[in-house]
Amino acid sequence: MATWNSRGLRGSTLEEMINRTNEQYREKGLALIQKVPTPITPVRMEKESRRITLAYFDQKSTVDYIGAVQGIPVCFDAKECATQAFPIANIHEHQVTFMKDFEKQGGVAFLLILFSGEDRLYYLPFEDLMFFWNRAESGGLKHFKMSELNDTFRLTGKAGVLVPYLEGIQRDLTVRDLKSGRD
């Protein structure tokens, strides 16, 4: 997995790695995942380049990515943290609400979290996200530590796939099947 050293590029680098992974999965016929654009209204633009230099968000966005994996609807958000403690405040209530509704419709929702200081990437299943979210909402810790995450959901790039989140989805579905008593 690549190392992120530039604070200003961390998010765009992770996003670019996910976008490349999405393209690989699409080309192999494994998944069709799209980046969800954040609706903005431009306020100021450079005349020559027509580049937006100032804008505001029209509405709250949902999640970063949405699509289907082998017929299973999926949605996820990509987050980063420079330390080993991820602040719950980095996850917005409207995102949790959307993911909860998505799960109720039979989809699979999750977070991809890069702990950039440790160069570790995790798939966080929705059920685990809700545990940390509810803990914070009920007056508990307002963050969770990397050490609290299930290491079986740690993702490492291999076989040319930069962000192998399909492995996380497969593990997530296996855990769900085991909990429901299905084989």
N, C-alpha and C. Protein backbone atom coordinates (compact mmCIF):
# COMPACT_ATOMS: atom_id res chain seq x y z
N MET A 1 0.83 -1.18 0.00
CA MET A 1 0.00 0.00 0.00
C MET A 1 0.88 1.24 0.00
N ALA A 2 0.45 2.27 -0.67
CA ALA A 2 1.22 3.50 -0.76
C ALA A 2 1.23 4.24 0.57
N THR A 3 2.21 5.09 0.74
CA THR A 3 2.30 5.90 1.95
C THR A 3 1.85 7.31 1.60
N TRP A 4 1.11 7.92 2.50
CA TRP A 4 0.64 9.28 2.31
C TRP A 4 1.47 10.19 3.19
N ASN A 5 2.22 11.09 2.58
CA ASN A 5 3.04 12.01 3.35
C ASN A 5 2.53 13.44 3.31
N SER A 6 1.86 13.81 2.26
CA SER A 6 1.41 15.18 2.10
C SER A 6 0.02 15.34 2.68
N ARG A 7 -0.09 16.16 3.72
CA ARG A 7 -1.38 16.35 4.37
C ARG A 7 -2.44 16.82 3.39
N GLY A 8 -2.08 17.70 2.50
CA GLY A 8 -3.05 18.24 1.55
C GLY A 8 -3.53 17.26 0.51
N LEU A 9 -2.78 16.18 0.27
CA LEU A 9 -3.15 15.24 -0.77
C LEU A 9 -3.71 13.93 -0.23
N ARG A 10 -3.72 13.75 1.06
CA ARG A 10 -4.14 12.46 1.61
C ARG A 10 -5.52 12.06 1.12
N GLY A 11 -6.49 12.93 1.28
CA GLY A 11 -7.86 12.59 0.89
C GLY A 11 -7.97 12.34 -0.59
N SER A 12 -7.36 13.19 -1.40
CA SER A 12 -7.46 13.01 -2.83
C SER A 12 -6.70 11.77 -3.28
N THR A 13 -5.62 11.41 -2.59
CA THR A 13 -4.87 10.20 -2.94
C THR A 13 -5.70 8.97 -2.61
N LEU A 14 -6.31 8.90 -1.44
CA LEU A 14 -7.16 7.78 -1.09
C LEU A 14 -8.32 7.68 -2.08
N GLU A 15 -8.93 8.80 -2.37
CA GLU A 15 -10.05 8.81 -3.30
C GLU A 15 -9.60 8.32 -4.68
N GLU A 16 -8.44 8.76 -5.13
CA GLU A 16 -7.93 8.32 -6.42
C GLU A 16 -7.66 6.81 -6.41
N MET A 17 -7.13 6.30 -5.31
CA MET A 17 -6.89 4.87 -5.20
C MET A 17 -8.20 4.08 -5.25
N ILE A 18 -9.22 4.60 -4.59
CA ILE A 18 -10.54 3.95 -4.63
C ILE A 18 -11.11 4.02 -6.04
N ASN A 19 -10.97 5.17 -6.68
CA ASN A 19 -11.48 5.32 -8.05
C ASN A 19 -10.80 4.33 -9.00
N ARG A 20 -9.49 4.16 -8.86
CA ARG A 20 -8.78 3.18 -9.70
C ARG A 20 -9.26 1.76 -9.40
N THR A 21 -9.44 1.47 -8.13
CA THR A 21 -9.95 0.15 -7.74
C THR A 21 -11.33 -0.08 -8.34
N ASN A 22 -12.19 0.94 -8.27
CA ASN A 22 -13.54 0.83 -8.85
C ASN A 22 -13.47 0.52 -10.33
N GLU A 23 -12.54 1.17 -11.03
CA GLU A 23 -12.37 0.93 -12.46
C GLU A 23 -11.91 -0.50 -12.72
N GLN A 24 -10.97 -1.00 -11.92
CA GLN A 24 -10.51 -2.38 -12.07
C GLN A 24 -11.66 -3.36 -11.85
N TYR A 25 -12.44 -3.13 -10.80
CA TYR A 25 -13.57 -4.01 -10.51
C TYR A 25 -14.59 -3.97 -11.64
N ARG A 26 -14.81 -2.77 -12.20
CA ARG A 26 -15.76 -2.65 -13.31
C ARG A 26 -15.25 -3.41 -14.54
N GLU A 27 -13.98 -3.23 -14.85
CA GLU A 27 -13.40 -3.90 -16.02
C GLU A 27 -13.46 -5.42 -15.89
N LYS A 28 -13.34 -5.93 -14.69
CA LYS A 28 -13.38 -7.38 -14.45
C LYS A 28 -14.81 -7.89 -14.28
N GLY A 29 -15.79 -6.98 -14.32
CA GLY A 29 -17.19 -7.38 -14.17
C GLY A 29 -17.56 -7.77 -12.75
N LEU A 30 -16.77 -7.31 -11.76
CA LEU A 30 -17.01 -7.66 -10.37
C LEU A 30 -17.93 -6.69 -9.65
N ALA A 31 -17.89 -5.43 -10.04
CA ALA A 31 -18.67 -4.40 -9.34
C ALA A 31 -18.84 -3.19 -10.24
N LEU A 32 -19.87 -2.43 -9.95
CA LEU A 32 -20.09 -1.15 -10.61
C LEU A 32 -20.35 -0.13 -9.50
N ILE A 33 -19.31 0.63 -9.17
CA ILE A 33 -19.38 1.59 -8.08
C ILE A 33 -19.08 2.98 -8.64
N GLN A 34 -19.90 3.94 -8.27
CA GLN A 34 -19.76 5.31 -8.75
C GLN A 34 -19.45 6.27 -7.60
N LYS A 35 -18.62 7.25 -7.87
CA LYS A 35 -18.37 8.34 -6.93
C LYS A 35 -19.60 9.23 -6.96
N VAL A 36 -20.12 9.57 -5.79
CA VAL A 36 -21.29 10.44 -5.69
C VAL A 36 -20.79 11.89 -5.66
N PRO A 37 -21.13 12.69 -6.66
CA PRO A 37 -20.67 14.08 -6.65
C PRO A 37 -21.40 14.88 -5.57
N THR A 38 -20.66 15.78 -4.96
CA THR A 38 -21.26 16.67 -3.96
C THR A 38 -21.80 17.89 -4.69
N PRO A 39 -23.11 18.13 -4.58
CA PRO A 39 -23.70 19.27 -5.29
C PRO A 39 -23.22 20.60 -4.71
N ILE A 40 -22.67 21.45 -5.61
CA ILE A 40 -22.18 22.76 -5.18
C ILE A 40 -22.74 23.85 -6.08
N THR A 41 -22.73 25.07 -5.56
CA THR A 41 -23.07 26.24 -6.35
C THR A 41 -21.84 27.13 -6.41
N PRO A 42 -21.30 27.35 -7.62
CA PRO A 42 -20.12 28.22 -7.75
C PRO A 42 -20.47 29.66 -7.39
N VAL A 43 -19.55 30.32 -6.70
CA VAL A 43 -19.72 31.72 -6.34
C VAL A 43 -18.73 32.58 -7.13
N ARG A 44 -17.51 32.08 -7.28
CA ARG A 44 -16.48 32.83 -7.99
C ARG A 44 -15.69 31.87 -8.88
N MET A 45 -15.39 32.32 -10.11
CA MET A 45 -14.62 31.51 -11.04
C MET A 45 -13.50 32.34 -11.65
N GLU A 46 -12.36 31.70 -11.94
CA GLU A 46 -11.29 32.36 -12.69
C GLU A 46 -11.75 32.48 -14.13
N LYS A 47 -11.56 33.65 -14.72
CA LYS A 47 -12.07 33.86 -16.08
C LYS A 47 -11.35 33.01 -17.12
N GLU A 48 -10.02 32.98 -17.06
CA GLU A 48 -9.26 32.28 -18.09
C GLU A 48 -9.43 30.77 -18.03
N SER A 49 -9.26 30.19 -16.86
CA SER A 49 -9.30 28.73 -16.74
C SER A 49 -10.71 28.20 -16.49
N ARG A 50 -11.62 29.10 -16.19
CA ARG A 50 -13.00 28.72 -15.82
C ARG A 50 -13.01 27.77 -14.64
N ARG A 51 -12.03 27.93 -13.77
CA ARG A 51 -11.88 27.11 -12.57
C ARG A 51 -12.68 27.75 -11.42
N ILE A 52 -13.41 26.93 -10.68
CA ILE A 52 -14.17 27.42 -9.54
C ILE A 52 -13.20 27.71 -8.40
N THR A 53 -13.24 28.92 -7.88
CA THR A 53 -12.35 29.29 -6.77
C THR A 53 -13.11 29.47 -5.47
N LEU A 54 -14.42 29.62 -5.53
CA LEU A 54 -15.24 29.74 -4.33
C LEU A 54 -16.62 29.16 -4.64
N ALA A 55 -17.10 28.31 -3.72
CA ALA A 55 -18.41 27.69 -3.92
C ALA A 55 -18.98 27.31 -2.56
N TYR A 56 -20.26 27.02 -2.54
CA TYR A 56 -20.87 26.51 -1.32
C TYR A 56 -21.67 25.26 -1.66
N PHE A 57 -21.86 24.41 -0.64
CA PHE A 57 -22.60 23.18 -0.83
C PHE A 57 -24.09 23.47 -0.90
N ASP A 58 -24.76 22.91 -1.91
CA ASP A 58 -26.21 23.09 -2.07
C ASP A 58 -26.98 22.33 -0.99
N GLN A 59 -26.52 21.14 -0.67
CA GLN A 59 -27.21 20.29 0.29
C GLN A 59 -26.20 19.34 0.90
N LYS A 60 -26.62 18.65 1.95
CA LYS A 60 -25.75 17.67 2.57
C LYS A 60 -25.62 16.47 1.63
N SER A 61 -24.41 16.00 1.50
CA SER A 61 -24.18 14.83 0.68
C SER A 61 -24.54 13.57 1.48
N THR A 62 -24.63 12.45 0.81
CA THR A 62 -24.95 11.20 1.49
C THR A 62 -23.64 10.48 1.83
N VAL A 63 -23.16 9.68 0.92
CA VAL A 63 -21.90 8.96 1.09
C VAL A 63 -21.04 9.22 -0.15
N ASP A 64 -19.79 8.79 -0.09
CA ASP A 64 -18.87 9.05 -1.20
C ASP A 64 -19.12 8.16 -2.41
N TYR A 65 -19.53 6.90 -2.15
CA TYR A 65 -19.65 5.93 -3.24
C TYR A 65 -20.91 5.10 -3.08
N ILE A 66 -21.48 4.71 -4.25
CA ILE A 66 -22.67 3.88 -4.25
C ILE A 66 -22.67 3.03 -5.51
N GLY A 67 -23.22 1.83 -5.42
CA GLY A 67 -23.28 0.97 -6.59
C GLY A 67 -23.73 -0.42 -6.24
N ALA A 68 -23.24 -1.39 -7.04
CA ALA A 68 -23.63 -2.79 -6.85
C ALA A 68 -22.42 -3.69 -7.04
N VAL A 69 -22.39 -4.73 -6.20
CA VAL A 69 -21.35 -5.76 -6.28
C VAL A 69 -22.07 -7.09 -6.45
N GLN A 70 -21.95 -7.67 -7.65
CA GLN A 70 -22.56 -8.97 -7.94
C GLN A 70 -24.04 -8.99 -7.52
N GLY A 71 -24.74 -7.91 -7.82
CA GLY A 71 -26.17 -7.83 -7.52
C GLY A 71 -26.51 -7.33 -6.13
N ILE A 72 -25.50 -7.07 -5.32
CA ILE A 72 -25.73 -6.57 -3.96
C ILE A 72 -25.53 -5.06 -3.95
N PRO A 73 -26.54 -4.29 -3.53
CA PRO A 73 -26.36 -2.84 -3.44
C PRO A 73 -25.37 -2.50 -2.32
N VAL A 74 -24.43 -1.61 -2.61
CA VAL A 74 -23.46 -1.19 -1.61
C VAL A 74 -23.33 0.33 -1.62
N CYS A 75 -23.02 0.86 -0.44
CA CYS A 75 -22.68 2.28 -0.33
C CYS A 75 -21.59 2.39 0.73
N PHE A 76 -20.68 3.34 0.52
CA PHE A 76 -19.63 3.53 1.52
C PHE A 76 -19.07 4.92 1.45
N ASP A 77 -18.43 5.27 2.53
CA ASP A 77 -17.75 6.55 2.64
C ASP A 77 -16.29 6.29 2.96
N ALA A 78 -15.42 7.12 2.46
CA ALA A 78 -13.98 7.00 2.72
C ALA A 78 -13.57 8.11 3.69
N LYS A 79 -12.88 7.72 4.75
CA LYS A 79 -12.46 8.65 5.79
C LYS A 79 -10.98 8.46 6.08
N GLU A 80 -10.36 9.51 6.58
CA GLU A 80 -8.96 9.43 6.96
C GLU A 80 -8.73 10.02 8.33
N CYS A 81 -7.68 9.52 8.97
CA CYS A 81 -7.31 9.98 10.30
C CYS A 81 -5.80 9.90 10.42
N ALA A 82 -5.17 10.97 10.90
CA ALA A 82 -3.70 10.99 11.02
C ALA A 82 -3.22 10.30 12.29
N THR A 83 -4.12 10.14 13.27
CA THR A 83 -3.74 9.52 14.54
C THR A 83 -4.37 8.13 14.64
N GLN A 84 -4.17 7.48 15.78
CA GLN A 84 -4.76 6.16 15.99
C GLN A 84 -6.16 6.22 16.59
N ALA A 85 -6.67 7.43 16.80
CA ALA A 85 -8.03 7.61 17.34
C ALA A 85 -8.86 8.36 16.30
N PHE A 86 -9.94 7.72 15.85
CA PHE A 86 -10.80 8.31 14.83
C PHE A 86 -11.97 9.03 15.49
N PRO A 87 -12.11 10.35 15.30
CA PRO A 87 -13.20 11.11 15.91
C PRO A 87 -14.55 10.78 15.26
N ILE A 88 -15.53 10.46 16.08
CA ILE A 88 -16.88 10.20 15.58
C ILE A 88 -17.44 11.44 14.87
N ALA A 89 -16.97 12.62 15.27
CA ALA A 89 -17.43 13.86 14.63
C ALA A 89 -17.10 13.90 13.14
N ASN A 90 -16.18 13.05 12.68
CA ASN A 90 -15.85 13.00 11.26
C ASN A 90 -16.92 12.26 10.45
N ILE A 91 -17.86 11.67 11.14
CA ILE A 91 -19.00 11.00 10.49
C ILE A 91 -20.23 11.85 10.80
N HIS A 92 -20.96 12.22 9.78
CA HIS A 92 -22.09 13.12 9.98
C HIS A 92 -23.39 12.34 10.15
N GLU A 93 -24.29 12.90 10.94
CA GLU A 93 -25.55 12.23 11.24
C GLU A 93 -26.33 11.87 9.97
N HIS A 94 -26.35 12.78 8.98
CA HIS A 94 -27.09 12.48 7.75
C HIS A 94 -26.46 11.30 6.99
N GLN A 95 -25.15 11.09 7.15
CA GLN A 95 -24.51 9.93 6.53
C GLN A 95 -24.95 8.64 7.23
N VAL A 96 -24.97 8.67 8.55
CA VAL A 96 -25.39 7.50 9.32
C VAL A 96 -26.85 7.17 9.01
N THR A 97 -27.69 8.19 8.93
CA THR A 97 -29.11 7.98 8.61
C THR A 97 -29.26 7.35 7.23
N PHE A 98 -28.52 7.87 6.26
CA PHE A 98 -28.58 7.31 4.91
C PHE A 98 -28.13 5.85 4.91
N MET A 99 -27.02 5.56 5.58
CA MET A 99 -26.50 4.20 5.62
C MET A 99 -27.47 3.24 6.32
N LYS A 100 -28.10 3.73 7.38
CA LYS A 100 -29.08 2.92 8.10
C LYS A 100 -30.27 2.59 7.18
N ASP A 101 -30.77 3.59 6.49
CA ASP A 101 -31.88 3.38 5.55
C ASP A 101 -31.46 2.45 4.41
N PHE A 102 -30.24 2.59 3.95
CA PHE A 102 -29.70 1.74 2.88
C PHE A 102 -29.67 0.28 3.33
N GLU A 103 -29.21 0.06 4.55
CA GLU A 103 -29.17 -1.30 5.10
C GLU A 103 -30.59 -1.88 5.24
N LYS A 104 -31.55 -1.04 5.65
CA LYS A 104 -32.93 -1.51 5.79
C LYS A 104 -33.50 -1.98 4.45
N GLN A 105 -32.97 -1.44 3.35
CA GLN A 105 -33.43 -1.82 2.02
C GLN A 105 -32.67 -3.03 1.48
N GLY A 106 -31.84 -3.66 2.32
CA GLY A 106 -31.12 -4.86 1.90
C GLY A 106 -29.73 -4.62 1.36
N GLY A 107 -29.26 -3.38 1.45
CA GLY A 107 -27.92 -3.06 0.97
C GLY A 107 -26.86 -3.29 2.03
N VAL A 108 -25.62 -3.13 1.63
CA VAL A 108 -24.47 -3.25 2.53
C VAL A 108 -23.80 -1.88 2.58
N ALA A 109 -23.72 -1.32 3.79
CA ALA A 109 -23.08 -0.03 4.00
C ALA A 109 -21.84 -0.22 4.86
N PHE A 110 -20.82 0.59 4.60
CA PHE A 110 -19.59 0.49 5.38
C PHE A 110 -18.74 1.74 5.20
N LEU A 111 -17.71 1.84 6.01
CA LEU A 111 -16.72 2.90 5.87
C LEU A 111 -15.39 2.27 5.49
N LEU A 112 -14.60 2.97 4.71
CA LEU A 112 -13.20 2.65 4.51
C LEU A 112 -12.44 3.73 5.27
N ILE A 113 -11.62 3.32 6.23
CA ILE A 113 -10.91 4.29 7.06
C ILE A 113 -9.41 4.07 6.92
N LEU A 114 -8.74 5.12 6.51
CA LEU A 114 -7.28 5.10 6.42
C LEU A 114 -6.71 5.78 7.66
N PHE A 115 -5.95 5.04 8.42
CA PHE A 115 -5.17 5.62 9.52
C PHE A 115 -3.82 5.95 8.90
N SER A 116 -3.70 7.16 8.39
CA SER A 116 -2.54 7.52 7.57
C SER A 116 -1.23 7.51 8.34
N GLY A 117 -1.25 7.84 9.62
CA GLY A 117 -0.03 7.81 10.41
C GLY A 117 0.55 6.41 10.54
N GLU A 118 -0.32 5.42 10.47
CA GLU A 118 0.09 4.02 10.57
C GLU A 118 0.10 3.33 9.21
N ASP A 119 -0.39 4.03 8.19
CA ASP A 119 -0.52 3.47 6.85
C ASP A 119 -1.33 2.17 6.88
N ARG A 120 -2.48 2.24 7.59
CA ARG A 120 -3.37 1.08 7.70
C ARG A 120 -4.76 1.46 7.23
N LEU A 121 -5.32 0.58 6.45
CA LEU A 121 -6.65 0.79 5.89
C LEU A 121 -7.58 -0.29 6.42
N TYR A 122 -8.76 0.14 6.89
CA TYR A 122 -9.74 -0.79 7.45
C TYR A 122 -11.09 -0.64 6.77
N TYR A 123 -11.77 -1.76 6.65
CA TYR A 123 -13.18 -1.83 6.26
C TYR A 123 -13.93 -1.85 7.58
N LEU A 124 -14.81 -0.88 7.82
CA LEU A 124 -15.59 -0.83 9.04
C LEU A 124 -17.03 -1.20 8.71
N PRO A 125 -17.47 -2.40 9.09
CA PRO A 125 -18.85 -2.81 8.82
C PRO A 125 -19.84 -1.84 9.49
N PHE A 126 -21.01 -1.71 8.90
CA PHE A 126 -22.03 -0.80 9.43
C PHE A 126 -22.38 -1.12 10.88
N GLU A 127 -22.47 -2.40 11.21
CA GLU A 127 -22.80 -2.79 12.59
C GLU A 127 -21.76 -2.24 13.58
N ASP A 128 -20.49 -2.30 13.22
CA ASP A 128 -19.43 -1.78 14.09
C ASP A 128 -19.50 -0.26 14.15
N LEU A 129 -19.77 0.37 13.01
CA LEU A 129 -19.94 1.82 12.99
C LEU A 129 -21.04 2.23 13.97
N MET A 130 -22.16 1.51 13.94
CA MET A 130 -23.28 1.84 14.82
C MET A 130 -22.92 1.64 16.29
N PHE A 131 -22.11 0.65 16.60
CA PHE A 131 -21.66 0.45 17.98
C PHE A 131 -20.91 1.69 18.45
N PHE A 132 -19.95 2.17 17.66
CA PHE A 132 -19.17 3.35 18.05
C PHE A 132 -20.03 4.61 18.06
N TRP A 133 -20.94 4.73 17.09
CA TRP A 133 -21.84 5.89 17.00
C TRP A 133 -22.74 5.95 18.24
N ASN A 134 -23.37 4.83 18.57
CA ASN A 134 -24.28 4.78 19.72
C ASN A 134 -23.52 5.00 21.03
N ARG A 135 -22.31 4.50 21.14
CA ARG A 135 -21.49 4.72 22.32
C ARG A 135 -21.25 6.22 22.52
N ALA A 136 -20.92 6.92 21.45
CA ALA A 136 -20.69 8.36 21.54
C ALA A 136 -21.98 9.11 21.85
N GLU A 137 -23.07 8.71 21.21
CA GLU A 137 -24.37 9.36 21.42
C GLU A 137 -24.87 9.20 22.86
N SER A 138 -24.50 8.11 23.51
CA SER A 138 -24.97 7.86 24.88
C SER A 138 -23.98 8.38 25.94
N GLY A 139 -23.07 9.24 25.51
CA GLY A 139 -22.17 9.88 26.46
C GLY A 139 -20.82 9.20 26.63
N GLY A 140 -20.57 8.16 25.85
CA GLY A 140 -19.28 7.45 25.92
C GLY A 140 -18.22 8.15 25.10
N LEU A 141 -17.18 7.42 24.79
CA LEU A 141 -16.07 7.97 24.01
C LEU A 141 -16.56 8.58 22.70
N LYS A 142 -15.99 9.72 22.36
CA LYS A 142 -16.36 10.42 21.12
C LYS A 142 -15.42 10.05 19.98
N HIS A 143 -14.72 8.95 20.15
CA HIS A 143 -13.81 8.44 19.14
C HIS A 143 -13.68 6.93 19.32
N PHE A 144 -13.07 6.31 18.36
CA PHE A 144 -12.68 4.91 18.55
C PHE A 144 -11.23 4.77 18.11
N LYS A 145 -10.56 3.85 18.73
CA LYS A 145 -9.14 3.64 18.44
C LYS A 145 -8.97 2.56 17.37
N MET A 146 -7.92 2.70 16.63
CA MET A 146 -7.60 1.71 15.62
C MET A 146 -7.52 0.32 16.25
N SER A 147 -7.01 0.24 17.47
CA SER A 147 -6.87 -1.04 18.17
C SER A 147 -8.22 -1.68 18.50
N GLU A 148 -9.32 -0.91 18.46
CA GLU A 148 -10.64 -1.46 18.72
C GLU A 148 -11.24 -2.15 17.48
N LEU A 149 -10.62 -1.94 16.34
CA LEU A 149 -11.17 -2.50 15.11
C LEU A 149 -10.76 -3.96 14.95
N ASN A 150 -11.63 -4.72 14.32
CA ASN A 150 -11.39 -6.13 14.07
C ASN A 150 -10.32 -6.25 12.98
N ASP A 151 -9.18 -6.83 13.33
CA ASP A 151 -8.06 -6.90 12.40
C ASP A 151 -8.36 -7.75 11.17
N THR A 152 -9.38 -8.59 11.22
CA THR A 152 -9.73 -9.36 10.03
C THR A 152 -10.31 -8.45 8.94
N PHE A 153 -10.67 -7.22 9.31
CA PHE A 153 -11.18 -6.26 8.34
C PHE A 153 -10.11 -5.26 7.89
N ARG A 154 -8.86 -5.54 8.22
CA ARG A 154 -7.77 -4.71 7.71
C ARG A 154 -7.55 -5.09 6.25
N LEU A 155 -7.44 -4.08 5.40
CA LEU A 155 -7.26 -4.30 3.97
C LEU A 155 -5.83 -3.98 3.57
N THR A 156 -5.24 -4.85 2.79
CA THR A 156 -3.90 -4.59 2.26
C THR A 156 -3.95 -4.80 0.75
N GLY A 157 -3.32 -3.89 0.04
CA GLY A 157 -3.30 -3.98 -1.41
C GLY A 157 -2.58 -5.23 -1.88
N LYS A 158 -3.18 -5.92 -2.84
CA LYS A 158 -2.53 -7.10 -3.41
C LYS A 158 -3.08 -7.37 -4.79
N ALA A 159 -2.29 -8.10 -5.57
CA ALA A 159 -2.67 -8.46 -6.93
C ALA A 159 -3.07 -7.23 -7.76
N GLY A 160 -2.39 -6.13 -7.51
CA GLY A 160 -2.64 -4.92 -8.29
C GLY A 160 -3.87 -4.14 -7.88
N VAL A 161 -4.62 -4.61 -6.87
CA VAL A 161 -5.81 -3.89 -6.39
C VAL A 161 -5.38 -3.03 -5.21
N LEU A 162 -5.50 -1.72 -5.34
CA LEU A 162 -5.02 -0.80 -4.32
C LEU A 162 -5.85 -0.82 -3.04
N VAL A 163 -7.17 -0.89 -3.19
CA VAL A 163 -8.09 -0.85 -2.04
C VAL A 163 -9.07 -2.03 -2.19
N PRO A 164 -8.67 -3.21 -1.76
CA PRO A 164 -9.47 -4.42 -2.01
C PRO A 164 -10.69 -4.55 -1.10
N TYR A 165 -11.62 -3.60 -1.25
CA TYR A 165 -12.78 -3.59 -0.37
C TYR A 165 -13.75 -4.75 -0.63
N LEU A 166 -13.64 -5.41 -1.78
CA LEU A 166 -14.50 -6.58 -2.01
C LEU A 166 -14.21 -7.67 -0.98
N GLU A 167 -12.96 -7.75 -0.54
CA GLU A 167 -12.61 -8.71 0.52
C GLU A 167 -13.34 -8.35 1.82
N GLY A 168 -13.41 -7.07 2.12
CA GLY A 168 -14.14 -6.62 3.31
C GLY A 168 -15.62 -6.94 3.21
N ILE A 169 -16.20 -6.71 2.04
CA ILE A 169 -17.62 -7.02 1.85
C ILE A 169 -17.86 -8.51 2.04
N GLN A 170 -16.98 -9.35 1.48
CA GLN A 170 -17.14 -10.80 1.62
C GLN A 170 -17.07 -11.22 3.08
N ARG A 171 -16.11 -10.67 3.84
CA ARG A 171 -16.01 -10.98 5.27
C ARG A 171 -17.24 -10.51 6.01
N ASP A 172 -17.70 -9.31 5.67
CA ASP A 172 -18.89 -8.73 6.29
C ASP A 172 -20.10 -9.64 6.06
N LEU A 173 -20.30 -10.08 4.84
CA LEU A 173 -21.44 -10.94 4.52
C LEU A 173 -21.32 -12.29 5.23
N THR A 174 -20.11 -12.81 5.34
CA THR A 174 -19.89 -14.07 6.05
C THR A 174 -20.26 -13.92 7.52
N VAL A 175 -19.83 -12.83 8.14
CA VAL A 175 -20.16 -12.58 9.56
C VAL A 175 -21.68 -12.45 9.72
N ARG A 176 -22.33 -11.73 8.82
CA ARG A 176 -23.79 -11.58 8.88
C ARG A 176 -24.48 -12.93 8.77
N ASP A 177 -24.01 -13.78 7.84
CA ASP A 177 -24.61 -15.10 7.68
C ASP A 177 -24.43 -15.95 8.93
N LEU A 178 -23.25 -15.88 9.54
CA LEU A 178 -22.99 -16.65 10.76
C LEU A 178 -23.90 -16.18 11.91
N LYS A 179 -24.09 -14.88 12.03
CA LYS A 179 -24.95 -14.34 13.09
C LYS A 179 -26.42 -14.70 12.88
N SER A 180 -26.81 -14.82 11.62
CA SER A 180 -28.23 -15.14 11.34
C SER A 180 -28.46 -16.65 11.30
N GLY A 181 -27.39 -17.45 11.42
CA GLY A 181 -27.54 -18.89 11.42
C GLY A 181 -27.52 -19.51 10.04
N ARG A 182 -27.26 -18.68 9.00
CA ARG A 182 -27.16 -19.21 7.63
C ARG A 182 -25.74 -19.67 7.37
N ASP A 183 -25.58 -20.67 6.52
CA ASP A 183 -24.25 -21.15 6.17
C ASP A 183 -23.80 -20.63 4.84
